[in-house]
């Protein structure tokens, strides 16, 4: 059991999911950004469908399918694009505020733990690429129970492994799931978005920067 834990979502919260499309736009133009944005929507949609149907498939496989569909929707045919996008997703970059925040949490005796829909080997690769593996106390993934967030079983699985003080995600559907389960939940809203999840305002706290979590932990 990992004590004094803060759970973090990975994709979109610590890792910048717009990165692969943005980097490929330098080579292919704005259509790469459009495809990347569509891939993100399809990733989430496919994970929900998978959970509802009881047909688990690894998140990386769902992502590959999403890229193929998004390319077809945009009438974009380029053999190298798929593999370049997937390689970029495997080495996805962290947001600028992540490294310092994780270091400061560890200095305060708080254990940062990932709770993600992704596969552990790809998350380890991404966080190693970002130089962040040493700051993480563990990576918990849904592949261990073969169902995706926001299913309650995922948050329960994390609770069985950690003494959880809080959960942080930039995804409103994830915030809704975690708060429904009973975690103290923080919505990371870097881009001044409208909350489009089902959670009520009293169910979560909004933070504008990842570093804001330090204040909340110091005062709890």
C-alpha atoms as a PDB file:
ATOM      1  CA  UNK A   1       0.000   0.000   0.000  1.00  0.00           C
ATOM      2  CA  UNK A   2       1.487   3.330  -1.092  1.00  0.00           C
ATOM      3  CA  UNK A   3       0.903   5.991   1.600  1.00  0.00           C
ATOM      4  CA  UNK A   4       0.081   9.686   1.210  1.00  0.00           C
ATOM      5  CA  UNK A   5      -0.746   9.482  -2.500  1.00  0.00           C
ATOM      6  CA  UNK A   6      -1.940  11.947  -5.107  1.00  0.00           C
ATOM      7  CA  UNK A   7      -3.313  10.207  -8.188  1.00  0.00           C
ATOM      8  CA  UNK A   8      -2.781  11.864 -11.561  1.00  0.00           C
ATOM      9  CA  UNK A   9      -4.376  11.110 -14.882  1.00  0.00           C
ATOM     10  CA  UNK A  10      -1.715  10.949 -17.596  1.00  0.00           C
ATOM     11  CA  UNK A  11      -2.994  11.828 -21.072  1.00  0.00           C
ATOM     12  CA  UNK A  12      -4.125  15.432 -21.252  1.00  0.00           C
ATOM     13  CA  UNK A  13      -3.219  16.083 -17.611  1.00  0.00           C
ATOM     14  CA  UNK A  14       0.523  15.467 -17.338  1.00  0.00           C
ATOM     15  CA  UNK A  15       1.166  14.514 -20.972  1.00  0.00           C
ATOM     16  CA  UNK A  16       0.257  16.891 -23.803  1.00  0.00           C
ATOM     17  CA  UNK A  17      -1.992  14.957 -26.204  1.00  0.00           C
ATOM     18  CA  UNK A  18      -1.841  17.769 -28.773  1.00  0.00           C
ATOM     19  CA  UNK A  19       1.902  17.246 -29.166  1.00  0.00           C
ATOM     20  CA  UNK A  20       1.982  14.541 -31.871  1.00  0.00           C
ATOM     21  CA  UNK A  21      -0.316  16.472 -34.210  1.00  0.00           C
ATOM     22  CA  UNK A  22       1.436  19.764 -33.529  1.00  0.00           C
ATOM     23  CA  UNK A  23       4.855  18.344 -34.340  1.00  0.00           C
ATOM     24  CA  UNK A  24       3.627  16.641 -37.510  1.00  0.00           C
ATOM     25  CA  UNK A  25       2.013  19.903 -38.646  1.00  0.00           C
ATOM     26  CA  UNK A  26       5.525  21.163 -39.337  1.00  0.00           C
ATOM     27  CA  UNK A  27       5.772  18.484 -42.029  1.00  0.00           C
ATOM     28  CA  UNK A  28       2.182  17.955 -43.189  1.00  0.00           C
ATOM     29  CA  UNK A  29       0.472  21.256 -42.427  1.00  0.00           C
ATOM     30  CA  UNK A  30      -2.596  22.083 -40.346  1.00  0.00           C
ATOM     31  CA  UNK A  31      -4.359  18.856 -41.277  1.00  0.00           C
ATOM     32  CA  UNK A  32      -2.064  17.085 -38.809  1.00  0.00           C
ATOM     33  CA  UNK A  33      -3.485  19.197 -35.975  1.00  0.00           C
ATOM     34  CA  UNK A  34      -7.028  18.490 -37.171  1.00  0.00           C
ATOM     35  CA  UNK A  35      -6.362  14.764 -37.276  1.00  0.00           C
ATOM     36  CA  UNK A  36      -4.733  14.886 -33.845  1.00  0.00           C
ATOM     37  CA  UNK A  37      -7.751  16.638 -32.320  1.00  0.00           C
ATOM     38  CA  UNK A  38     -10.111  14.101 -33.859  1.00  0.00           C
ATOM     39  CA  UNK A  39      -7.951  11.219 -32.641  1.00  0.00           C
ATOM     40  CA  UNK A  40      -8.321  12.444 -29.064  1.00  0.00           C
ATOM     41  CA  UNK A  41     -12.114  12.395 -29.318  1.00  0.00           C
ATOM     42  CA  UNK A  42     -12.099   8.941 -30.880  1.00  0.00           C
ATOM     43  CA  UNK A  43      -9.672   7.559 -28.278  1.00  0.00           C
ATOM     44  CA  UNK A  44     -12.062   8.439 -25.489  1.00  0.00           C
ATOM     45  CA  UNK A  45     -15.130   7.297 -27.410  1.00  0.00           C
ATOM     46  CA  UNK A  46     -13.598   3.922 -28.212  1.00  0.00           C
ATOM     47  CA  UNK A  47     -12.496   3.370 -24.613  1.00  0.00           C
ATOM     48  CA  UNK A  48     -16.039   4.015 -23.391  1.00  0.00           C
ATOM     49  CA  UNK A  49     -17.504   1.705 -26.029  1.00  0.00           C
ATOM     50  CA  UNK A  50     -14.991  -0.964 -25.063  1.00  0.00           C
ATOM     51  CA  UNK A  51     -16.004  -0.774 -21.406  1.00  0.00           C
ATOM     52  CA  UNK A  52     -19.732  -0.798 -22.147  1.00  0.00           C
ATOM     53  CA  UNK A  53     -19.413  -3.829 -24.412  1.00  0.00           C
ATOM     54  CA  UNK A  54     -17.010  -5.714 -22.160  1.00  0.00           C
ATOM     55  CA  UNK A  55     -14.513  -5.917 -25.036  1.00  0.00           C
ATOM     56  CA  UNK A  56     -11.230  -4.613 -23.680  1.00  0.00           C
ATOM     57  CA  UNK A  57      -8.561  -3.609 -26.178  1.00  0.00           C
ATOM     58  CA  UNK A  58      -5.283  -1.871 -25.285  1.00  0.00           C
ATOM     59  CA  UNK A  59      -5.406   1.915 -25.452  1.00  0.00           C
ATOM     60  CA  UNK A  60      -2.524   2.034 -27.925  1.00  0.00           C
ATOM     61  CA  UNK A  61      -4.486  -0.236 -30.282  1.00  0.00           C
ATOM     62  CA  UNK A  62      -7.545   1.994 -29.923  1.00  0.00           C
ATOM     63  CA  UNK A  63      -5.347   4.980 -30.720  1.00  0.00           C
ATOM     64  CA  UNK A  64      -4.011   3.356 -33.878  1.00  0.00           C
ATOM     65  CA  UNK A  65      -7.564   2.657 -35.022  1.00  0.00           C
ATOM     66  CA  UNK A  66      -8.521   6.243 -34.189  1.00  0.00           C
ATOM     67  CA  UNK A  67      -5.693   7.594 -36.354  1.00  0.00           C
ATOM     68  CA  UNK A  68      -6.784   5.439 -39.288  1.00  0.00           C
ATOM     69  CA  UNK A  69     -10.385   6.610 -38.949  1.00  0.00           C
ATOM     70  CA  UNK A  70      -9.404  10.273 -38.556  1.00  0.00           C
ATOM     71  CA  UNK A  71      -7.182  10.100 -41.630  1.00  0.00           C
ATOM     72  CA  UNK A  72     -10.018   8.556 -43.648  1.00  0.00           C
ATOM     73  CA  UNK A  73     -12.474  11.203 -42.438  1.00  0.00           C
ATOM     74  CA  UNK A  74     -10.116  13.928 -43.632  1.00  0.00           C
ATOM     75  CA  UNK A  75      -9.402  12.182 -46.933  1.00  0.00           C
ATOM     76  CA  UNK A  76      -5.733  12.158 -46.000  1.00  0.00           C
ATOM     77  CA  UNK A  77      -3.671   9.292 -47.381  1.00  0.00           C
ATOM     78  CA  UNK A  78      -0.028   9.189 -46.429  1.00  0.00           C
ATOM     79  CA  UNK A  79       1.592   5.894 -45.524  1.00  0.00           C
ATOM     80  CA  UNK A  80       4.188   7.341 -43.162  1.00  0.00           C
ATOM     81  CA  UNK A  81       1.785   9.538 -41.187  1.00  0.00           C
ATOM     82  CA  UNK A  82       0.243   6.739 -39.124  1.00  0.00           C
ATOM     83  CA  UNK A  83       3.568   5.390 -37.892  1.00  0.00           C
ATOM     84  CA  UNK A  84       4.946   8.872 -37.294  1.00  0.00           C
ATOM     85  CA  UNK A  85       1.886   9.786 -35.242  1.00  0.00           C
ATOM     86  CA  UNK A  86       2.062   6.581 -33.199  1.00  0.00           C
ATOM     87  CA  UNK A  87       5.765   7.093 -32.545  1.00  0.00           C
ATOM     88  CA  UNK A  88       5.019  10.638 -31.433  1.00  0.00           C
ATOM     89  CA  UNK A  89       2.278   9.373 -29.136  1.00  0.00           C
ATOM     90  CA  UNK A  90       4.639   6.806 -27.618  1.00  0.00           C
ATOM     91  CA  UNK A  91       7.093   9.617 -26.810  1.00  0.00           C
ATOM     92  CA  UNK A  92       4.500  12.226 -25.948  1.00  0.00           C
ATOM     93  CA  UNK A  93       5.856  15.224 -24.052  1.00  0.00           C
ATOM     94  CA  UNK A  94       4.891  16.474 -20.603  1.00  0.00           C
ATOM     95  CA  UNK A  95       3.425  19.906 -19.930  1.00  0.00           C
ATOM     96  CA  UNK A  96       5.949  22.502 -18.680  1.00  0.00           C
ATOM     97  CA  UNK A  97       4.518  22.637 -15.136  1.00  0.00           C
ATOM     98  CA  UNK A  98       4.799  18.899 -14.480  1.00  0.00           C
ATOM     99  CA  UNK A  99       8.453  18.328 -13.577  1.00  0.00           C
ATOM    100  CA  UNK A 100       8.742  20.977 -10.870  1.00  0.00           C
ATOM    101  CA  UNK A 101       5.380  20.072  -9.342  1.00  0.00           C
ATOM    102  CA  UNK A 102       6.273  16.393  -9.010  1.00  0.00           C
ATOM    103  CA  UNK A 103       9.626  17.259  -7.434  1.00  0.00           C
ATOM    104  CA  UNK A 104       7.981  19.559  -4.887  1.00  0.00           C
ATOM    105  CA  UNK A 105       5.341  16.965  -4.020  1.00  0.00           C
ATOM    106  CA  UNK A 106       8.022  14.370  -3.368  1.00  0.00           C
ATOM    107  CA  UNK A 107       9.889  16.854  -1.184  1.00  0.00           C
ATOM    108  CA  UNK A 108       6.704  17.245   0.875  1.00  0.00           C
ATOM    109  CA  UNK A 109       6.503  13.482   1.345  1.00  0.00           C
ATOM    110  CA  UNK A 110       3.607  13.067  -1.077  1.00  0.00           C
ATOM    111  CA  UNK A 111       3.698  10.177  -3.542  1.00  0.00           C
ATOM    112  CA  UNK A 112       2.649  11.044  -7.110  1.00  0.00           C
ATOM    113  CA  UNK A 113       1.023   7.999  -8.728  1.00  0.00           C
ATOM    114  CA  UNK A 114      -0.367   7.723 -12.250  1.00  0.00           C
ATOM    115  CA  UNK A 115      -3.841   6.258 -12.822  1.00  0.00           C
ATOM    116  CA  UNK A 116      -4.253   5.904 -16.569  1.00  0.00           C
ATOM    117  CA  UNK A 117      -6.239   4.254 -19.329  1.00  0.00           C
ATOM    118  CA  UNK A 118      -2.951   3.689 -21.162  1.00  0.00           C
ATOM    119  CA  UNK A 119      -0.568   0.750 -21.055  1.00  0.00           C
ATOM    120  CA  UNK A 120       2.260   0.781 -18.570  1.00  0.00           C
ATOM    121  CA  UNK A 121       5.056   0.173 -21.085  1.00  0.00           C
ATOM    122  CA  UNK A 122       4.051   3.180 -23.183  1.00  0.00           C
ATOM    123  CA  UNK A 123       3.556   5.374 -20.137  1.00  0.00           C
ATOM    124  CA  UNK A 124       6.976   4.385 -18.817  1.00  0.00           C
ATOM    125  CA  UNK A 125       8.444   5.237 -22.199  1.00  0.00           C
ATOM    126  CA  UNK A 126       6.739   8.637 -22.267  1.00  0.00           C
ATOM    127  CA  UNK A 127       7.672   9.573 -18.708  1.00  0.00           C
ATOM    128  CA  UNK A 128      11.230   8.324 -19.216  1.00  0.00           C
ATOM    129  CA  UNK A 129      11.458  10.433 -22.380  1.00  0.00           C
ATOM    130  CA  UNK A 130      10.315  13.418 -20.295  1.00  0.00           C
ATOM    131  CA  UNK A 131      12.803  12.612 -17.511  1.00  0.00           C
ATOM    132  CA  UNK A 132      10.032  12.121 -14.945  1.00  0.00           C
ATOM    133  CA  UNK A 133      10.141   8.434 -13.995  1.00  0.00           C
ATOM    134  CA  UNK A 134      12.161   9.049 -10.830  1.00  0.00           C
ATOM    135  CA  UNK A 135       9.493  11.448  -9.571  1.00  0.00           C
ATOM    136  CA  UNK A 136       6.675   8.898  -9.850  1.00  0.00           C
ATOM    137  CA  UNK A 137       5.986   6.420  -7.072  1.00  0.00           C
ATOM    138  CA  UNK A 138       3.980   4.085  -9.302  1.00  0.00           C
ATOM    139  CA  UNK A 139       2.024   3.802 -12.539  1.00  0.00           C
ATOM    140  CA  UNK A 140      -1.350   2.083 -12.216  1.00  0.00           C
ATOM    141  CA  UNK A 141      -3.079   1.191 -15.464  1.00  0.00           C
ATOM    142  CA  UNK A 142      -6.420  -0.225 -16.484  1.00  0.00           C
ATOM    143  CA  UNK A 143      -4.772  -3.106 -18.329  1.00  0.00           C
ATOM    144  CA  UNK A 144      -4.530  -4.786 -14.920  1.00  0.00           C
ATOM    145  CA  UNK A 145      -8.345  -5.031 -14.722  1.00  0.00           C
ATOM    146  CA  UNK A 146      -9.206  -4.678 -18.446  1.00  0.00           C
ATOM    147  CA  UNK A 147     -11.779  -1.917 -18.229  1.00  0.00           C
ATOM    148  CA  UNK A 148     -11.420   1.833 -18.710  1.00  0.00           C
ATOM    149  CA  UNK A 149     -12.083   4.938 -16.670  1.00  0.00           C
ATOM    150  CA  UNK A 150     -14.528   6.334 -15.708  1.00  0.00           C
ATOM    151  CA  UNK A 151     -15.774   2.898 -14.611  1.00  0.00           C
ATOM    152  CA  UNK A 152     -15.858   2.773 -10.806  1.00  0.00           C
ATOM    153  CA  UNK A 153     -13.756  -0.406 -10.771  1.00  0.00           C
ATOM    154  CA  UNK A 154     -10.739   1.582 -11.974  1.00  0.00           C
ATOM    155  CA  UNK A 155     -10.799   4.048  -9.087  1.00  0.00           C
ATOM    156  CA  UNK A 156     -11.466   1.188  -6.679  1.00  0.00           C
ATOM    157  CA  UNK A 157      -8.432  -0.621  -8.079  1.00  0.00           C
ATOM    158  CA  UNK A 158      -6.280   2.415  -7.284  1.00  0.00           C
ATOM    159  CA  UNK A 159      -7.738   2.688  -3.796  1.00  0.00           C
ATOM    160  CA  UNK A 160      -6.717  -0.903  -3.117  1.00  0.00           C
ATOM    161  CA  UNK A 161      -3.109   0.018  -3.916  1.00  0.00           C
ATOM    162  CA  UNK A 162      -2.814   3.518  -2.433  1.00  0.00           C
ATOM    163  CA  UNK A 163      -3.895   5.681   0.484  1.00  0.00           C
ATOM    164  CA  UNK A 164      -5.371   8.382  -1.719  1.00  0.00           C
ATOM    165  CA  UNK A 165      -5.409  12.044  -0.665  1.00  0.00           C
ATOM    166  CA  UNK A 166      -6.623  13.358  -3.994  1.00  0.00           C
ATOM    167  CA  UNK A 167      -7.079  12.802  -7.707  1.00  0.00           C
ATOM    168  CA  UNK A 168      -6.114  15.268 -10.457  1.00  0.00           C
ATOM    169  CA  UNK A 169      -7.347  15.219 -14.056  1.00  0.00           C
ATOM    170  CA  UNK A 170      -7.871  17.702 -16.864  1.00  0.00           C
ATOM    171  CA  UNK A 171     -10.668  15.545 -18.296  1.00  0.00           C
ATOM    172  CA  UNK A 172     -14.142  16.450 -16.972  1.00  0.00           C
ATOM    173  CA  UNK A 173     -15.459  12.915 -17.528  1.00  0.00           C
ATOM    174  CA  UNK A 174     -12.571  11.604 -15.399  1.00  0.00           C
ATOM    175  CA  UNK A 175     -13.217  14.208 -12.711  1.00  0.00           C
ATOM    176  CA  UNK A 176     -16.852  13.113 -12.683  1.00  0.00           C
ATOM    177  CA  UNK A 177     -15.864   9.465 -12.327  1.00  0.00           C
ATOM    178  CA  UNK A 178     -13.361  10.045  -9.535  1.00  0.00           C
ATOM    179  CA  UNK A 179     -15.650  12.344  -7.567  1.00  0.00           C
ATOM    180  CA  UNK A 180     -18.543   9.913  -7.974  1.00  0.00           C
ATOM    181  CA  UNK A 181     -16.342   7.176  -6.555  1.00  0.00           C
ATOM    182  CA  UNK A 182     -15.582   9.388  -3.574  1.00  0.00           C
ATOM    183  CA  UNK A 183     -12.085  10.735  -4.184  1.00  0.00           C
ATOM    184  CA  UNK A 184     -11.243  14.316  -3.333  1.00  0.00           C
ATOM    185  CA  UNK A 185     -10.981  15.527  -6.899  1.00  0.00           C
ATOM    186  CA  UNK A 186      -9.257  18.396  -8.699  1.00  0.00           C
ATOM    187  CA  UNK A 187     -10.066  19.546 -12.211  1.00  0.00           C
ATOM    188  CA  UNK A 188      -6.951  20.934 -13.895  1.00  0.00           C
ATOM    189  CA  UNK A 189      -8.255  23.646 -16.221  1.00  0.00           C
ATOM    190  CA  UNK A 190      -5.188  25.111 -17.929  1.00  0.00           C
ATOM    191  CA  UNK A 191      -7.118  26.564 -20.878  1.00  0.00           C
ATOM    192  CA  UNK A 192     -10.089  28.252 -19.185  1.00  0.00           C
ATOM    193  CA  UNK A 193     -12.532  25.691 -20.546  1.00  0.00           C
ATOM    194  CA  UNK A 194     -16.165  25.173 -19.605  1.00  0.00           C
ATOM    195  CA  UNK A 195     -16.643  22.082 -17.445  1.00  0.00           C
ATOM    196  CA  UNK A 196     -18.694  19.680 -19.563  1.00  0.00           C
ATOM    197  CA  UNK A 197     -18.808  16.730 -17.182  1.00  0.00           C
ATOM    198  CA  UNK A 198     -21.731  15.626 -15.028  1.00  0.00           C
ATOM    199  CA  UNK A 199     -20.106  16.438 -11.692  1.00  0.00           C
ATOM    200  CA  UNK A 200     -21.568  19.355  -9.745  1.00  0.00           C
ATOM    201  CA  UNK A 201     -19.326  22.317  -8.802  1.00  0.00           C
ATOM    202  CA  UNK A 202     -19.254  21.184  -5.166  1.00  0.00           C
ATOM    203  CA  UNK A 203     -17.921  17.772  -6.220  1.00  0.00           C
ATOM    204  CA  UNK A 204     -14.471  19.024  -7.246  1.00  0.00           C
ATOM    205  CA  UNK A 205     -12.006  21.893  -6.929  1.00  0.00           C
ATOM    206  CA  UNK A 206     -10.740  23.671 -10.032  1.00  0.00           C
ATOM    207  CA  UNK A 207      -7.044  24.474 -10.371  1.00  0.00           C
ATOM    208  CA  UNK A 208      -5.500  26.560 -13.159  1.00  0.00           C
ATOM    209  CA  UNK A 209      -1.963  25.209 -12.897  1.00  0.00           C
ATOM    210  CA  UNK A 210      -0.652  21.869 -11.731  1.00  0.00           C
ATOM    211  CA  UNK A 211       1.387  23.712  -9.105  1.00  0.00           C
ATOM    212  CA  UNK A 212      -1.863  24.783  -7.424  1.00  0.00           C
ATOM    213  CA  UNK A 213      -2.184  21.268  -6.042  1.00  0.00           C
ATOM    214  CA  UNK A 214       0.719  22.052  -3.710  1.00  0.00           C
ATOM    215  CA  UNK A 215      -1.344  24.709  -1.940  1.00  0.00           C
ATOM    216  CA  UNK A 216      -4.307  22.378  -1.541  1.00  0.00           C
ATOM    217  CA  UNK A 217      -2.151  19.602  -0.108  1.00  0.00           C
ATOM    218  CA  UNK A 218      -0.386  21.957   2.291  1.00  0.00           C
ATOM    219  CA  UNK A 219      -3.729  23.134   3.662  1.00  0.00           C
ATOM    220  CA  UNK A 220      -5.424  19.766   4.060  1.00  0.00           C
END
